[in-house]
PDB file of N, CA and C in Angstrom:
ATOM      1  N   MET A   1      27.310  -4.088 -28.726  1.00  0.00           N
ATOM      2  CA  MET A   1      26.263  -3.392 -29.475  1.00  0.00           C
ATOM      3  C   MET A   1      26.735  -1.958 -29.714  1.00  0.00           C
ATOM      4  N   ILE A   2      26.651  -1.497 -30.928  1.00  0.00           N
ATOM      5  CA  ILE A   2      27.088  -0.136 -31.237  1.00  0.00           C
ATOM      6  C   ILE A   2      25.969   0.858 -30.946  1.00  0.00           C
ATOM      7  N   VAL A   3      26.329   2.133 -30.859  1.00  0.00           N
ATOM      8  CA  VAL A   3      25.367   3.173 -30.477  1.00  0.00           C
ATOM      9  C   VAL A   3      24.160   3.165 -31.404  1.00  0.00           C
ATOM     10  N   GLY A   4      24.347   3.067 -32.708  1.00  0.00           N
ATOM     11  CA  GLY A   4      23.239   3.063 -33.655  1.00  0.00           C
ATOM     12  C   GLY A   4      22.249   1.945 -33.376  1.00  0.00           C
ATOM     13  N   GLU A   5      22.755   0.763 -33.025  1.00  0.00           N
ATOM     14  CA  GLU A   5      21.871  -0.367 -32.698  1.00  0.00           C
ATOM     15  C   GLU A   5      21.058  -0.067 -31.449  1.00  0.00           C
ATOM     16  N   LYS A   6      21.687   0.509 -30.446  1.00  0.00           N
ATOM     17  CA  LYS A   6      20.968   0.834 -29.210  1.00  0.00           C
ATOM     18  C   LYS A   6      19.861   1.841 -29.489  1.00  0.00           C
ATOM     19  N   MET A   7      20.142   2.831 -30.325  1.00  0.00           N
ATOM     20  CA  MET A   7      19.131   3.819 -30.650  1.00  0.00           C
ATOM     21  C   MET A   7      17.951   3.150 -31.343  1.00  0.00           C
ATOM     22  N   GLU A   8      18.227   2.170 -32.202  1.00  0.00           N
ATOM     23  CA  GLU A   8      17.153   1.440 -32.869  1.00  0.00           C
ATOM     24  C   GLU A   8      16.293   0.709 -31.852  1.00  0.00           C
ATOM     25  N   LYS A   9      16.877   0.251 -30.759  1.00  0.00           N
ATOM     26  CA  LYS A   9      16.146  -0.480 -29.732  1.00  0.00           C
ATOM     27  C   LYS A   9      15.549   0.445 -28.680  1.00  0.00           C
ATOM     28  N   GLY A  10      15.738   1.759 -28.835  1.00  0.00           N
ATOM     29  CA  GLY A  10      15.132   2.710 -27.918  1.00  0.00           C
ATOM     30  C   GLY A  10      15.994   3.056 -26.721  1.00  0.00           C
ATOM     31  N   VAL A  11      17.315   2.872 -26.827  1.00  0.00           N
ATOM     32  CA  VAL A  11      18.226   3.238 -25.747  1.00  0.00           C
ATOM     33  C   VAL A  11      19.200   4.274 -26.305  1.00  0.00           C
ATOM     34  N   TRP A  12      19.289   5.404 -25.626  1.00  0.00           N
ATOM     35  CA  TRP A  12      20.108   6.520 -26.083  1.00  0.00           C
ATOM     36  C   TRP A  12      21.089   6.929 -24.991  1.00  0.00           C
ATOM     37  N   GLN A  13      22.343   7.166 -25.359  1.00  0.00           N
ATOM     38  CA  GLN A  13      23.276   7.771 -24.426  1.00  0.00           C
ATOM     39  C   GLN A  13      22.880   9.245 -24.290  1.00  0.00           C
ATOM     40  N   LEU A  14      23.072   9.810 -23.128  1.00  0.00           N
ATOM     41  CA  LEU A  14      22.624  11.169 -22.854  1.00  0.00           C
ATOM     42  C   LEU A  14      23.130  12.179 -23.886  1.00  0.00           C
ATOM     43  N   GLN A  15      24.405  12.126 -24.213  1.00  0.00           N
ATOM     44  CA  GLN A  15      24.955  13.099 -25.164  1.00  0.00           C
ATOM     45  C   GLN A  15      24.283  12.958 -26.522  1.00  0.00           C
ATOM     46  N   GLU A  16      24.053  11.722 -26.964  1.00  0.00           N
ATOM     47  CA  GLU A  16      23.385  11.492 -28.240  1.00  0.00           C
ATOM     48  C   GLU A  16      21.935  11.977 -28.185  1.00  0.00           C
ATOM     49  N   ALA A  17      21.271  11.749 -27.050  1.00  0.00           N
ATOM     50  CA  ALA A  17      19.887  12.206 -26.881  1.00  0.00           C
ATOM     51  C   ALA A  17      19.818  13.734 -26.956  1.00  0.00           C
ATOM     52  N   LYS A  18      20.798  14.416 -26.356  1.00  0.00           N
ATOM     53  CA  LYS A  18      20.828  15.876 -26.405  1.00  0.00           C
ATOM     54  C   LYS A  18      21.070  16.364 -27.832  1.00  0.00           C
ATOM     55  N   ASN A  19      21.994  15.712 -28.520  1.00  0.00           N
ATOM     56  CA  ASN A  19      22.331  16.132 -29.885  1.00  0.00           C
ATOM     57  C   ASN A  19      21.210  15.865 -30.877  1.00  0.00           C
ATOM     58  N   LYS A  20      20.416  14.832 -30.625  1.00  0.00           N
ATOM     59  CA  LYS A  20      19.376  14.437 -31.573  1.00  0.00           C
ATOM     60  C   LYS A  20      18.010  14.409 -30.894  1.00  0.00           C
ATOM     61  N   PHE A  21      17.744  15.441 -30.083  1.00  0.00           N
ATOM     62  CA  PHE A  21      16.518  15.455 -29.287  1.00  0.00           C
ATOM     63  C   PHE A  21      15.260  15.357 -30.143  1.00  0.00           C
ATOM     64  N   SER A  22      15.226  16.055 -31.252  1.00  0.00           N
ATOM     65  CA  SER A  22      14.062  16.005 -32.134  1.00  0.00           C
ATOM     66  C   SER A  22      13.825  14.575 -32.620  1.00  0.00           C
ATOM     67  N   ASN A  23      14.893  13.886 -32.987  1.00  0.00           N
ATOM     68  CA  ASN A  23      14.807  12.498 -33.428  1.00  0.00           C
ATOM     69  C   ASN A  23      14.335  11.602 -32.282  1.00  0.00           C
ATOM     70  N   LEU A  24      14.848  11.845 -31.088  1.00  0.00           N
ATOM     71  CA  LEU A  24      14.448  11.086 -29.900  1.00  0.00           C
ATOM     72  C   LEU A  24      12.948  11.223 -29.650  1.00  0.00           C
ATOM     73  N   VAL A  25      12.440  12.448 -29.721  1.00  0.00           N
ATOM     74  CA  VAL A  25      11.009  12.690 -29.496  1.00  0.00           C
ATOM     75  C   VAL A  25      10.181  12.004 -30.572  1.00  0.00           C
ATOM     76  N   GLU A  26      10.611  12.092 -31.810  1.00  0.00           N
ATOM     77  CA  GLU A  26       9.871  11.455 -32.905  1.00  0.00           C
ATOM     78  C   GLU A  26       9.829   9.940 -32.733  1.00  0.00           C
ATOM     79  N   ARG A  27      10.934   9.346 -32.303  1.00  0.00           N
ATOM     80  CA  ARG A  27      10.941   7.886 -32.070  1.00  0.00           C
ATOM     81  C   ARG A  27      10.050   7.505 -30.901  1.00  0.00           C
ATOM     82  N   ALA A  28      10.002   8.342 -29.886  1.00  0.00           N
ATOM     83  CA  ALA A  28       9.099   8.071 -28.756  1.00  0.00           C
ATOM     84  C   ALA A  28       7.654   8.090 -29.234  1.00  0.00           C
ATOM     85  N   ARG A  29       7.328   9.008 -30.129  1.00  0.00           N
ATOM     86  CA  ARG A  29       5.961   9.098 -30.662  1.00  0.00           C
ATOM     87  C   ARG A  29       5.627   7.888 -31.529  1.00  0.00           C
ATOM     88  N   LYS A  30       6.583   7.436 -32.349  1.00  0.00           N
ATOM     89  CA  LYS A  30       6.303   6.370 -33.314  1.00  0.00           C
ATOM     90  C   LYS A  30       6.589   4.967 -32.790  1.00  0.00           C
ATOM     91  N   ASN A  31       7.653   4.823 -31.982  1.00  0.00           N
ATOM     92  CA  ASN A  31       8.111   3.482 -31.590  1.00  0.00           C
ATOM     93  C   ASN A  31       7.899   3.152 -30.125  1.00  0.00           C
ATOM     94  N   GLY A  32       7.411   4.117 -29.342  1.00  0.00           N
ATOM     95  CA  GLY A  32       7.214   3.847 -27.924  1.00  0.00           C
ATOM     96  C   GLY A  32       8.312   4.455 -27.073  1.00  0.00           C
ATOM     97  N   PRO A  33       8.288   4.171 -25.777  1.00  0.00           N
ATOM     98  CA  PRO A  33       9.223   4.788 -24.829  1.00  0.00           C
ATOM     99  C   PRO A  33      10.684   4.612 -25.237  1.00  0.00           C
ATOM    100  N   GLN A  34      11.464   5.678 -25.024  1.00  0.00           N
ATOM    101  CA  GLN A  34      12.892   5.690 -25.322  1.00  0.00           C
ATOM    102  C   GLN A  34      13.649   5.903 -24.014  1.00  0.00           C
ATOM    103  N   ILE A  35      14.635   5.057 -23.773  1.00  0.00           N
ATOM    104  CA  ILE A  35      15.422   5.113 -22.539  1.00  0.00           C
ATOM    105  C   ILE A  35      16.686   5.924 -22.783  1.00  0.00           C
ATOM    106  N   VAL A  36      17.003   6.820 -21.862  1.00  0.00           N
ATOM    107  CA  VAL A  36      18.227   7.620 -21.930  1.00  0.00           C
ATOM    108  C   VAL A  36      19.141   7.156 -20.810  1.00  0.00           C
ATOM    109  N   THR A  37      20.398   6.867 -21.150  1.00  0.00           N
ATOM    110  CA  THR A  37      21.359   6.419 -20.148  1.00  0.00           C
ATOM    111  C   THR A  37      22.373   7.521 -19.861  1.00  0.00           C
ATOM    112  N   LYS A  38      22.890   7.495 -18.639  1.00  0.00           N
ATOM    113  CA  LYS A  38      23.944   8.427 -18.230  1.00  0.00           C
ATOM    114  C   LYS A  38      25.017   7.586 -17.549  1.00  0.00           C
ATOM    115  N   HIS A  39      26.210   7.634 -18.068  1.00  0.00           N
ATOM    116  CA  HIS A  39      27.326   6.825 -17.562  1.00  0.00           C
ATOM    117  C   HIS A  39      26.956   5.338 -17.545  1.00  0.00           C
ATOM    118  N   GLY A  40      26.223   4.913 -18.575  1.00  0.00           N
ATOM    119  CA  GLY A  40      25.879   3.499 -18.715  1.00  0.00           C
ATOM    120  C   GLY A  40      24.692   3.039 -17.877  1.00  0.00           C
ATOM    121  N   GLN A  41      24.128   3.927 -17.086  1.00  0.00           N
ATOM    122  CA  GLN A  41      22.984   3.573 -16.232  1.00  0.00           C
ATOM    123  C   GLN A  41      21.717   4.223 -16.774  1.00  0.00           C
ATOM    124  N   GLU A  42      20.609   3.486 -16.761  1.00  0.00           N
ATOM    125  CA  GLU A  42      19.341   4.061 -17.197  1.00  0.00           C
ATOM    126  C   GLU A  42      19.005   5.250 -16.303  1.00  0.00           C
ATOM    127  N   ALA A  43      18.695   6.397 -16.923  1.00  0.00           N
ATOM    128  CA  ALA A  43      18.479   7.619 -16.151  1.00  0.00           C
ATOM    129  C   ALA A  43      17.104   8.238 -16.375  1.00  0.00           C
ATOM    130  N   ALA A  44      16.543   8.087 -17.568  1.00  0.00           N
ATOM    131  CA  ALA A  44      15.266   8.732 -17.871  1.00  0.00           C
ATOM    132  C   ALA A  44      14.577   7.987 -18.998  1.00  0.00           C
ATOM    133  N   VAL A  45      13.281   8.258 -19.132  1.00  0.00           N
ATOM    134  CA  VAL A  45      12.488   7.684 -20.219  1.00  0.00           C
ATOM    135  C   VAL A  45      11.733   8.822 -20.893  1.00  0.00           C
ATOM    136  N   VAL A  46      11.753   8.836 -22.209  1.00  0.00           N
ATOM    137  CA  VAL A  46      10.993   9.811 -22.981  1.00  0.00           C
ATOM    138  C   VAL A  46       9.782   9.086 -23.545  1.00  0.00           C
ATOM    139  N   LEU A  47       8.585   9.625 -23.247  1.00  0.00           N
ATOM    140  CA  LEU A  47       7.326   9.022 -23.683  1.00  0.00           C
ATOM    141  C   LEU A  47       6.583   9.989 -24.589  1.00  0.00           C
ATOM    142  N   SER A  48       5.746   9.437 -25.451  1.00  0.00           N
ATOM    143  CA  SER A  48       4.816  10.290 -26.188  1.00  0.00           C
ATOM    144  C   SER A  48       3.779  10.794 -25.199  1.00  0.00           C
ATOM    145  N   VAL A  49       3.139  11.898 -25.514  1.00  0.00           N
ATOM    146  CA  VAL A  49       2.121  12.441 -24.621  1.00  0.00           C
ATOM    147  C   VAL A  49       0.945  11.474 -24.517  1.00  0.00           C
ATOM    148  N   GLU A  50       0.645  10.760 -25.588  1.00  0.00           N
ATOM    149  CA  GLU A  50      -0.443   9.776 -25.542  1.00  0.00           C
ATOM    150  C   GLU A  50      -0.140   8.671 -24.528  1.00  0.00           C
ATOM    151  N   GLU A  51       1.095   8.172 -24.551  1.00  0.00           N
ATOM    152  CA  GLU A  51       1.490   7.117 -23.613  1.00  0.00           C
ATOM    153  C   GLU A  51       1.481   7.638 -22.182  1.00  0.00           C
ATOM    154  N   TYR A  52       1.962   8.860 -21.982  1.00  0.00           N
ATOM    155  CA  TYR A  52       1.944   9.464 -20.652  1.00  0.00           C
ATOM    156  C   TYR A  52       0.518   9.563 -20.122  1.00  0.00           C
ATOM    157  N   ARG A  53      -0.398  10.061 -20.955  1.00  0.00           N
ATOM    158  CA  ARG A  53      -1.788  10.194 -20.522  1.00  0.00           C
ATOM    159  C   ARG A  53      -2.412   8.839 -20.215  1.00  0.00           C
ATOM    160  N   ARG A  54      -2.089   7.836 -21.015  1.00  0.00           N
ATOM    161  CA  ARG A  54      -2.612   6.492 -20.770  1.00  0.00           C
ATOM    162  C   ARG A  54      -2.125   5.972 -19.420  1.00  0.00           C
ATOM    163  N   LEU A  55      -0.867   6.207 -19.120  1.00  0.00           N
ATOM    164  CA  LEU A  55      -0.290   5.719 -17.866  1.00  0.00           C
ATOM    165  C   LEU A  55      -0.795   6.469 -16.642  1.00  0.00           C
ATOM    166  N   THR A  56      -1.139   7.743 -16.805  1.00  0.00           N
ATOM    167  CA  THR A  56      -1.547   8.552 -15.648  1.00  0.00           C
ATOM    168  C   THR A  56      -3.058   8.695 -15.513  1.00  0.00           C
ATOM    169  N   ARG A  57      -3.808   8.144 -16.438  1.00  0.00           N
ATOM    170  CA  ARG A  57      -5.275   8.235 -16.378  1.00  0.00           C
ATOM    171  C   ARG A  57      -5.785   7.425 -15.194  1.00  0.00           C
ATOM    172  N   PRO A  58      -6.727   7.970 -14.436  1.00  0.00           N
ATOM    173  CA  PRO A  58      -7.292   7.209 -13.321  1.00  0.00           C
ATOM    174  C   PRO A  58      -7.937   5.920 -13.832  1.00  0.00           C
ATOM    175  N   LYS A  59      -7.815   4.854 -13.048  1.00  0.00           N
ATOM    176  CA  LYS A  59      -8.388   3.562 -13.438  1.00  0.00           C
ATOM    177  C   LYS A  59      -9.912   3.583 -13.380  1.00  0.00           C
ATOM    178  N   THR A  60     -10.466   4.351 -12.447  1.00  0.00           N
ATOM    179  CA  THR A  60     -11.914   4.461 -12.333  1.00  0.00           C
ATOM    180  C   THR A  60     -12.278   5.927 -12.118  1.00  0.00           C
ATOM    181  N   ASP A  61     -13.542   6.242 -12.357  1.00  0.00           N
ATOM    182  CA  ASP A  61     -13.990   7.610 -12.116  1.00  0.00           C
ATOM    183  C   ASP A  61     -14.227   7.789 -10.611  1.00  0.00           C
ATOM    184  N   LEU A  62     -14.368   9.026 -10.171  1.00  0.00           N
ATOM    185  CA  LEU A  62     -14.479   9.348  -8.751  1.00  0.00           C
ATOM    186  C   LEU A  62     -15.699   8.703  -8.105  1.00  0.00           C
ATOM    187  N   VAL A  63     -16.829   8.712  -8.788  1.00  0.00           N
ATOM    188  CA  VAL A  63     -18.048   8.143  -8.212  1.00  0.00           C
ATOM    189  C   VAL A  63     -17.868   6.645  -7.963  1.00  0.00           C
ATOM    190  N   SER A  64     -17.322   5.923  -8.931  1.00  0.00           N
ATOM    191  CA  SER A  64     -17.087   4.484  -8.757  1.00  0.00           C
ATOM    192  C   SER A  64     -16.109   4.230  -7.618  1.00  0.00           C
ATOM    193  N   PHE A  65     -15.068   5.051  -7.536  1.00  0.00           N
ATOM    194  CA  PHE A  65     -14.082   4.908  -6.466  1.00  0.00           C
ATOM    195  C   PHE A  65     -14.747   5.062  -5.096  1.00  0.00           C
ATOM    196  N   LEU A  66     -15.574   6.090  -4.952  1.00  0.00           N
ATOM    197  CA  LEU A  66     -16.232   6.326  -3.663  1.00  0.00           C
ATOM    198  C   LEU A  66     -17.229   5.221  -3.331  1.00  0.00           C
ATOM    199  N   ARG A  67     -17.918   4.702  -4.330  1.00  0.00           N
ATOM    200  CA  ARG A  67     -18.872   3.613  -4.086  1.00  0.00           C
ATOM    201  C   ARG A  67     -18.187   2.343  -3.615  1.00  0.00           C
ATOM    202  N   LYS A  68     -16.931   2.144  -4.012  1.00  0.00           N
ATOM    203  CA  LYS A  68     -16.170   0.947  -3.616  1.00  0.00           C
ATOM    204  C   LYS A  68     -15.411   1.166  -2.311  1.00  0.00           C
ATOM    205  N   SER A  69     -15.499   2.346  -1.751  1.00  0.00           N
ATOM    206  CA  SER A  69     -14.799   2.675  -0.521  1.00  0.00           C
ATOM    207  C   SER A  69     -15.298   1.814   0.632  1.00  0.00           C
ATOM    208  N   PRO A  70     -14.402   1.459   1.574  1.00  0.00           N
ATOM    209  CA  PRO A  70     -14.838   0.716   2.762  1.00  0.00           C
ATOM    210  C   PRO A  70     -15.862   1.499   3.580  1.00  0.00           C
ATOM    211  N   LEU A  71     -15.941   2.809   3.401  1.00  0.00           N
ATOM    212  CA  LEU A  71     -16.896   3.629   4.143  1.00  0.00           C
ATOM    213  C   LEU A  71     -18.226   3.800   3.409  1.00  0.00           C
ATOM    214  N   ALA A  72     -18.349   3.221   2.214  1.00  0.00           N
ATOM    215  CA  ALA A  72     -19.612   3.328   1.475  1.00  0.00           C
ATOM    216  C   ALA A  72     -20.719   2.688   2.307  1.00  0.00           C
ATOM    217  N   GLY A  73     -21.808   3.375   2.443  1.00  0.00           N
ATOM    218  CA  GLY A  73     -22.939   2.846   3.204  1.00  0.00           C
ATOM    219  C   GLY A  73     -22.897   3.176   4.678  1.00  0.00           C
ATOM    220  N   VAL A  74     -21.774   3.677   5.177  1.00  0.00           N
ATOM    221  CA  VAL A  74     -21.677   4.068   6.579  1.00  0.00           C
ATOM    222  C   VAL A  74     -22.385   5.406   6.737  1.00  0.00           C
ATOM    223  N   ASN A  75     -23.229   5.515   7.741  1.00  0.00           N
ATOM    224  CA  ASN A  75     -23.971   6.742   7.953  1.00  0.00           C
ATOM    225  C   ASN A  75     -23.116   7.706   8.770  1.00  0.00           C
ATOM    226  N   LEU A  76     -22.429   8.591   8.085  1.00  0.00           N
ATOM    227  CA  LEU A  76     -21.584   9.576   8.751  1.00  0.00           C
ATOM    228  C   LEU A  76     -22.414  10.825   9.041  1.00  0.00           C
ATOM    229  N   GLU A  77     -22.287  11.327  10.245  1.00  0.00           N
ATOM    230  CA  GLU A  77     -22.974  12.562  10.585  1.00  0.00           C
ATOM    231  C   GLU A  77     -21.961  13.691  10.489  1.00  0.00           C
ATOM    232  N   ILE A  78     -22.175  14.547   9.536  1.00  0.00           N
ATOM    233  CA  ILE A  78     -21.251  15.649   9.308  1.00  0.00           C
ATOM    234  C   ILE A  78     -21.951  16.938   9.699  1.00  0.00           C
ATOM    235  N   THR A  79     -21.358  17.639  10.653  1.00  0.00           N
ATOM    236  CA  THR A  79     -21.933  18.906  11.083  1.00  0.00           C
ATOM    237  C   THR A  79     -20.892  20.005  10.949  1.00  0.00           C
ATOM    238  N   ARG A  80     -21.392  21.202  10.838  1.00  0.00           N
ATOM    239  CA  ARG A  80     -20.518  22.359  10.694  1.00  0.00           C
ATOM    240  C   ARG A  80     -20.619  23.200  11.953  1.00  0.00           C
ATOM    241  N   ASN A  81     -19.475  23.649  12.436  1.00  0.00           N
ATOM    242  CA  ASN A  81     -19.441  24.540  13.583  1.00  0.00           C
ATOM    243  C   ASN A  81     -19.947  25.909  13.132  1.00  0.00           C
ATOM    244  N   LYS A  82     -20.995  26.390  13.755  1.00  0.00           N
ATOM    245  CA  LYS A  82     -21.608  27.640  13.342  1.00  0.00           C
ATOM    246  C   LYS A  82     -21.141  28.845  14.161  1.00  0.00           C
ATOM    247  N   ASP A  83     -20.137  28.654  15.014  1.00  0.00           N
ATOM    248  CA  ASP A  83     -19.562  29.771  15.760  1.00  0.00           C
ATOM    249  C   ASP A  83     -18.917  30.749  14.789  1.00  0.00           C
ATOM    250  N   LEU A  84     -18.853  32.013  15.201  1.00  0.00           N
ATOM    251  CA  LEU A  84     -18.172  33.011  14.388  1.00  0.00           C
ATOM    252  C   LEU A  84     -16.670  32.754  14.443  1.00  0.00           C
ATOM    253  N   PRO A  85     -15.957  33.096  13.380  1.00  0.00           N
ATOM    254  CA  PRO A  85     -14.501  32.889  13.398  1.00  0.00           C
ATOM    255  C   PRO A  85     -13.843  33.797  14.420  1.00  0.00           C
ATOM    256  N   ARG A  86     -12.689  33.413  14.866  1.00  0.00           N
ATOM    257  CA  ARG A  86     -11.983  34.221  15.861  1.00  0.00           C
ATOM    258  C   ARG A  86     -11.383  35.449  15.207  1.00  0.00           C
ATOM    259  N   ASP A  87     -11.201  36.492  15.994  1.00  0.00           N
ATOM    260  CA  ASP A  87     -10.590  37.721  15.502  1.00  0.00           C
ATOM    261  C   ASP A  87      -9.087  37.561  15.511  1.00  0.00           C
ATOM    262  N   ILE A  88      -8.442  38.034  14.460  1.00  0.00           N
ATOM    263  CA  ILE A  88      -6.976  38.017  14.415  1.00  0.00           C
ATOM    264  C   ILE A  88      -6.489  39.398  14.025  1.00  0.00           C
ATOM    265  N   GLU A  89      -5.323  39.747  14.500  1.00  0.00           N
ATOM    266  CA  GLU A  89      -4.735  41.037  14.150  1.00  0.00           C
ATOM    267  C   GLU A  89      -3.846  40.862  12.928  1.00  0.00           C
ATOM    268  N   ILE A  90      -3.963  41.826  12.047  1.00  0.00           N
ATOM    269  CA  ILE A  90      -3.147  41.773  10.830  1.00  0.00           C
ATOM    270  C   ILE A  90      -2.170  42.917  10.842  1.00  0.00           C
TER     271      ILE A  90
END
């Protein structure tokens, strides 16, 4: 497979990715994740910001997460120590 074919499939050699970074970013935005190789080994992936946000978005909101917790419904007694803080020298 020649370099041009690999670029069409979303695989870029590092030097080519550096030389054509703007093109690499545009392809990530339009065609999906682009893989960058270094010495023939996959080294990095360039994603559109939309894809990154989709991948890193929490699966559930915090309230739903806490309601599904194994501790949901457990009556925890939480108290605060009302002693004065200790003195420290600065």
